[in-house]
Structures are given as C-alpha cells and as structure tokens.
C-alpha cells in the first residue's frame, strides 16, 4: 500500500487535486506523515527550522533553503484576538506579512503573521519588508520561544468533507498551527497562523 501511495503522490501534478485509492493503508500512511510533522513542529521553537529539516531530507538537494515568498494585497488588520495574543493596545502598530514557504518549487506552508515592529530591530524590520527570508530566520537573534495555541489535524476532516467513491481526495490543507513567538523573558512579538499543504506528503526515507 505504501508503494502505491508514494507513486500517486510523486506523479500527480501539484496544481491539481490529488487522489489515491481509498484503502485503509493509504489513509493511515498519509495520517502518519502529518502526525509526524505535527510532533516535529510541537517539539521545536522554529517552524522554519522544522521545514528546513524536511527540505534537507526530501527537497531537490544542493543546499536548498526554505524561502518565504511574500503574498501582497491580502493584508489582514490585527483584530482584538490578535492584539490580545500579542499583548498590545489598540493604537500600537502591528504589521502583517503573508508568505508561502517553499522548498524548491513546493509550497510547504502558507503563513499569516502579525508582528510588533517596535519589538524587533530596524534591521529585522527591513529584512521582513524587503527580503524573502523566513520570519524565523530573521528573528533568530532574539532566541525566541514558541507557544502553540492550537494544532489542528485537517487531513481526515477534509477527506471526509470531499468523499469520492473508491478514491481519497487529498486536501490542499492538511495541518494548521496557531502560535505566539516571544522573547526569553516572555514578551510576545509575533502571532502566526501556519497552514501546511499536501506538499509535505512525501515518500519516507
């Protein structure tokens, strides 16, 4: 069953809805991969570092680095919930950055990030505005800590929401995390909502 699943995942076009035969083995293999990624994310302070390890193991090789492709024109203002999580007042400036995190040509996750510019250095703010460097890499000098607020395994729910006789329709969104990044003294500076895509489903080593 694992070989069959791998063949379908590798051959199907990323831009199209992918399908595999509806078998218990195929479903459990996909679920196991998503659960493993979820555990890896929960065990580290940097989601970027976790994705970089994924990229090192499954990417095109040659030292490929995770890149943050900025998505502009879809800004979301910080609401009461976001400001509460960041511990800021209504008039405190909060910036927004939406990116796709890529390993080569694979979009591994889509991230919404609200952050407090005043709690970062000028160089960090410039990098976030002008570069494709992932947020976790830019703010690494802060020695930040990550506190996961919610972790939602979307794979099974989405598969059941789109039934197809004899086939499992692999959803685009398989896992979502909502987390706060803080300095070692507990001061929050970023709220992230990360949605991991079906591109993280790969052949095991």
Protein backbone atom coordinates (compact mmCIF):
# COMPACT_ATOMS: atom_id res chain seq x y z
CA UNK A 1 0.00 0.00 0.00
CA UNK A 2 2.82 2.40 0.84
CA UNK A 3 4.42 1.97 -2.58
CA UNK A 4 1.08 2.67 -4.29
CA UNK A 5 0.56 5.83 -2.24
CA UNK A 6 4.06 7.09 -2.95
CA UNK A 7 3.66 6.57 -6.69
CA UNK A 8 0.47 8.62 -6.78
CA UNK A 9 1.91 11.42 -4.62
CA UNK A 10 5.04 11.78 -6.72
CA UNK A 11 3.40 11.57 -10.14
CA UNK A 12 0.35 13.77 -9.57
CA UNK A 13 0.60 17.42 -10.60
CA UNK A 14 0.83 19.74 -7.54
CA UNK A 15 -1.65 22.24 -9.02
CA UNK A 16 -4.41 19.62 -9.31
CA UNK A 17 -6.42 17.85 -6.65
CA UNK A 18 -4.57 14.62 -5.98
CA UNK A 19 -6.22 11.28 -5.40
CA UNK A 20 -5.19 7.84 -4.21
CA UNK A 21 -7.21 4.61 -3.96
CA UNK A 22 -9.47 4.57 -0.94
CA UNK A 23 -7.74 2.00 1.24
CA UNK A 24 -7.05 1.84 4.94
CA UNK A 25 -3.32 1.57 4.25
CA UNK A 26 -3.24 4.72 2.12
CA UNK A 27 -5.21 6.74 4.65
CA UNK A 28 -3.06 5.62 7.59
CA UNK A 29 0.16 6.34 5.69
CA UNK A 30 -0.89 9.94 5.00
CA UNK A 31 -2.14 10.40 8.55
CA UNK A 32 1.13 9.08 9.96
CA UNK A 33 3.15 11.56 7.91
CA UNK A 34 1.01 14.50 9.05
CA UNK A 35 1.19 13.37 12.68
CA UNK A 36 4.96 13.10 12.44
CA UNK A 37 5.23 16.64 11.08
CA UNK A 38 2.90 17.88 13.80
CA UNK A 39 5.06 16.29 16.50
CA UNK A 40 8.21 17.80 14.97
CA UNK A 41 6.66 21.27 14.94
CA UNK A 42 5.49 20.97 18.54
CA UNK A 43 8.96 19.91 19.65
CA UNK A 44 10.80 22.96 18.26
CA UNK A 45 10.61 26.73 18.70
CA UNK A 46 11.12 27.42 14.98
CA UNK A 47 8.71 26.14 12.33
CA UNK A 48 11.20 27.32 9.70
CA UNK A 49 13.88 25.07 11.19
CA UNK A 50 11.47 22.12 11.07
CA UNK A 51 10.67 22.78 7.41
CA UNK A 52 14.36 23.18 6.64
CA UNK A 53 14.98 19.69 8.02
CA UNK A 54 12.14 18.44 5.81
CA UNK A 55 13.70 20.21 2.83
CA UNK A 56 17.13 18.77 3.57
CA UNK A 57 15.65 15.26 3.63
CA UNK A 58 13.14 15.46 0.78
CA UNK A 59 13.97 18.53 -1.30
CA UNK A 60 15.93 18.85 -4.55
CA UNK A 61 19.27 18.85 -2.69
CA UNK A 62 22.20 21.14 -3.32
CA UNK A 63 21.72 23.00 -0.06
CA UNK A 64 18.23 24.23 -0.97
CA UNK A 65 16.99 26.71 1.62
CA UNK A 66 13.45 27.46 2.68
CA UNK A 67 12.30 30.68 1.01
CA UNK A 68 9.42 32.93 2.07
CA UNK A 69 7.53 34.16 -0.99
CA UNK A 70 5.64 37.29 0.00
CA UNK A 71 1.94 37.44 -0.91
CA UNK A 72 0.90 41.07 -1.11
CA UNK A 73 -2.50 42.66 -1.50
CA UNK A 74 -4.22 40.38 1.01
CA UNK A 75 -3.38 42.19 4.23
CA UNK A 76 -5.39 41.41 7.36
CA UNK A 77 -5.56 44.05 10.07
CA UNK A 78 -4.89 42.89 13.60
CA UNK A 79 -8.19 42.47 15.42
CA UNK A 80 -8.92 42.16 19.11
CA UNK A 81 -7.90 38.50 19.25
CA UNK A 82 -4.56 39.15 17.54
CA UNK A 83 -3.79 42.15 19.75
CA UNK A 84 -4.72 40.21 22.85
CA UNK A 85 -2.34 37.43 21.89
CA UNK A 86 0.42 39.98 21.26
CA UNK A 87 -0.31 41.91 24.45
CA UNK A 88 -0.60 45.30 22.72
CA UNK A 89 -3.05 48.20 22.89
CA UNK A 90 -5.45 49.21 20.12
CA UNK A 91 -3.18 52.01 18.87
CA UNK A 92 0.06 50.05 18.92
CA UNK A 93 1.28 49.49 15.32
CA UNK A 94 1.05 45.84 14.28
CA UNK A 95 2.49 44.77 10.92
CA UNK A 96 1.20 41.91 8.78
CA UNK A 97 3.10 39.57 6.49
CA UNK A 98 1.64 36.71 4.46
CA UNK A 99 4.04 34.30 2.83
CA UNK A 100 4.30 30.92 1.19
CA UNK A 101 7.23 28.88 2.48
CA UNK A 102 8.86 26.98 -0.33
CA UNK A 103 11.39 24.19 -0.66
CA UNK A 104 12.39 24.45 -4.28
CA UNK A 105 9.08 24.65 -6.16
CA UNK A 106 7.00 23.01 -3.41
CA UNK A 107 4.80 25.24 -1.26
CA UNK A 108 5.02 23.52 2.12
CA UNK A 109 3.03 26.05 4.12
CA UNK A 110 1.08 29.29 3.89
CA UNK A 111 1.55 31.62 6.85
CA UNK A 112 -0.23 34.67 8.22
CA UNK A 113 2.00 36.64 10.58
CA UNK A 114 1.08 39.62 12.75
CA UNK A 115 4.10 41.13 14.48
CA UNK A 116 5.04 44.18 16.53
CA UNK A 117 7.74 46.18 14.68
CA UNK A 118 8.69 48.09 17.84
CA UNK A 119 9.78 44.81 19.45
CA UNK A 120 12.17 43.96 16.59
CA UNK A 121 15.36 45.67 15.48
CA UNK A 122 15.39 48.08 12.50
CA UNK A 123 17.45 45.54 10.53
CA UNK A 124 14.86 42.84 11.18
CA UNK A 125 12.01 45.06 10.06
CA UNK A 126 13.88 45.94 6.86
CA UNK A 127 14.55 42.27 6.12
CA UNK A 128 10.90 41.38 6.64
CA UNK A 129 9.80 44.13 4.27
CA UNK A 130 12.40 43.68 1.55
CA UNK A 131 13.61 40.07 1.52
CA UNK A 132 12.37 36.52 1.06
CA UNK A 133 13.99 35.40 4.29
CA UNK A 134 11.59 33.40 6.51
CA UNK A 135 10.42 35.16 9.67
CA UNK A 136 12.02 32.56 11.94
CA UNK A 137 15.41 33.13 10.34
CA UNK A 138 15.14 36.93 10.56
CA UNK A 139 14.27 36.94 14.28
CA UNK A 140 16.61 34.09 15.27
CA UNK A 141 18.93 36.52 17.17
CA UNK A 142 16.09 37.08 19.65
CA UNK A 143 16.41 33.47 20.87
CA UNK A 144 12.64 33.32 20.75
CA UNK A 145 10.31 30.76 22.27
CA UNK A 146 7.25 29.34 20.54
CA UNK A 147 3.96 28.66 22.33
CA UNK A 148 1.47 26.73 20.23
CA UNK A 149 -2.10 27.87 20.89
CA UNK A 150 -3.90 25.41 18.62
CA UNK A 151 -2.88 22.45 16.48
CA UNK A 152 -5.50 21.16 14.03
CA UNK A 153 -5.05 17.98 12.01
CA UNK A 154 -7.10 18.85 8.92
CA UNK A 155 -6.32 15.82 6.79
CA UNK A 156 -9.04 13.45 7.99
CA UNK A 157 -11.69 16.16 8.28
CA UNK A 158 -11.05 17.45 4.77
CA UNK A 159 -11.00 13.97 3.25
CA UNK A 160 -14.38 13.18 4.82
CA UNK A 161 -15.74 16.52 3.59
CA UNK A 162 -14.99 15.59 -0.04
CA UNK A 163 -15.99 11.93 -0.46
CA UNK A 164 -15.42 10.22 -3.80
CA UNK A 165 -16.31 6.56 -4.37
CA UNK A 166 -13.22 4.41 -4.39
CA UNK A 167 -10.79 7.32 -4.03
CA UNK A 168 -9.30 9.51 -1.31
CA UNK A 169 -9.17 13.14 -2.43
CA UNK A 170 -6.03 14.57 -0.84
CA UNK A 171 -6.88 18.03 0.58
CA UNK A 172 -4.69 21.05 -0.07
CA UNK A 173 -4.62 21.87 3.67
CA UNK A 174 -3.51 19.03 5.95
CA UNK A 175 -2.39 20.73 9.20
CA UNK A 176 -2.77 24.15 10.85
CA UNK A 177 -0.93 25.72 13.78
CA UNK A 178 -1.63 28.96 15.63
CA UNK A 179 1.28 30.07 17.77
CA UNK A 180 2.84 33.01 19.58
CA UNK A 181 6.55 33.80 19.44
CA UNK A 182 8.05 35.51 22.48
CA UNK A 183 11.42 36.64 23.75
CA UNK A 184 13.02 34.52 26.52
CA UNK A 185 11.53 36.87 29.13
CA UNK A 186 8.02 36.12 27.84
CA UNK A 187 7.32 39.26 25.81
CA UNK A 188 5.28 38.29 22.71
CA UNK A 189 6.20 39.87 19.37
CA UNK A 190 4.55 37.65 16.75
CA UNK A 191 1.35 35.70 16.19
CA UNK A 192 1.46 33.18 13.35
CA UNK A 193 -1.17 31.02 11.70
CA UNK A 194 0.57 28.37 9.61
CA UNK A 195 -1.34 26.12 7.21
CA UNK A 196 0.66 23.15 5.94
CA UNK A 197 -0.17 21.84 2.49
CA UNK A 198 -0.39 18.43 0.86
CA UNK A 199 3.13 19.02 -0.50
CA UNK A 200 4.52 17.78 2.83
CA UNK A 201 3.25 14.30 1.97
CA UNK A 202 6.28 12.54 0.55
CA UNK A 203 7.90 9.16 0.26
CA UNK A 204 9.55 8.14 3.54
CA UNK A 205 13.36 7.74 3.51
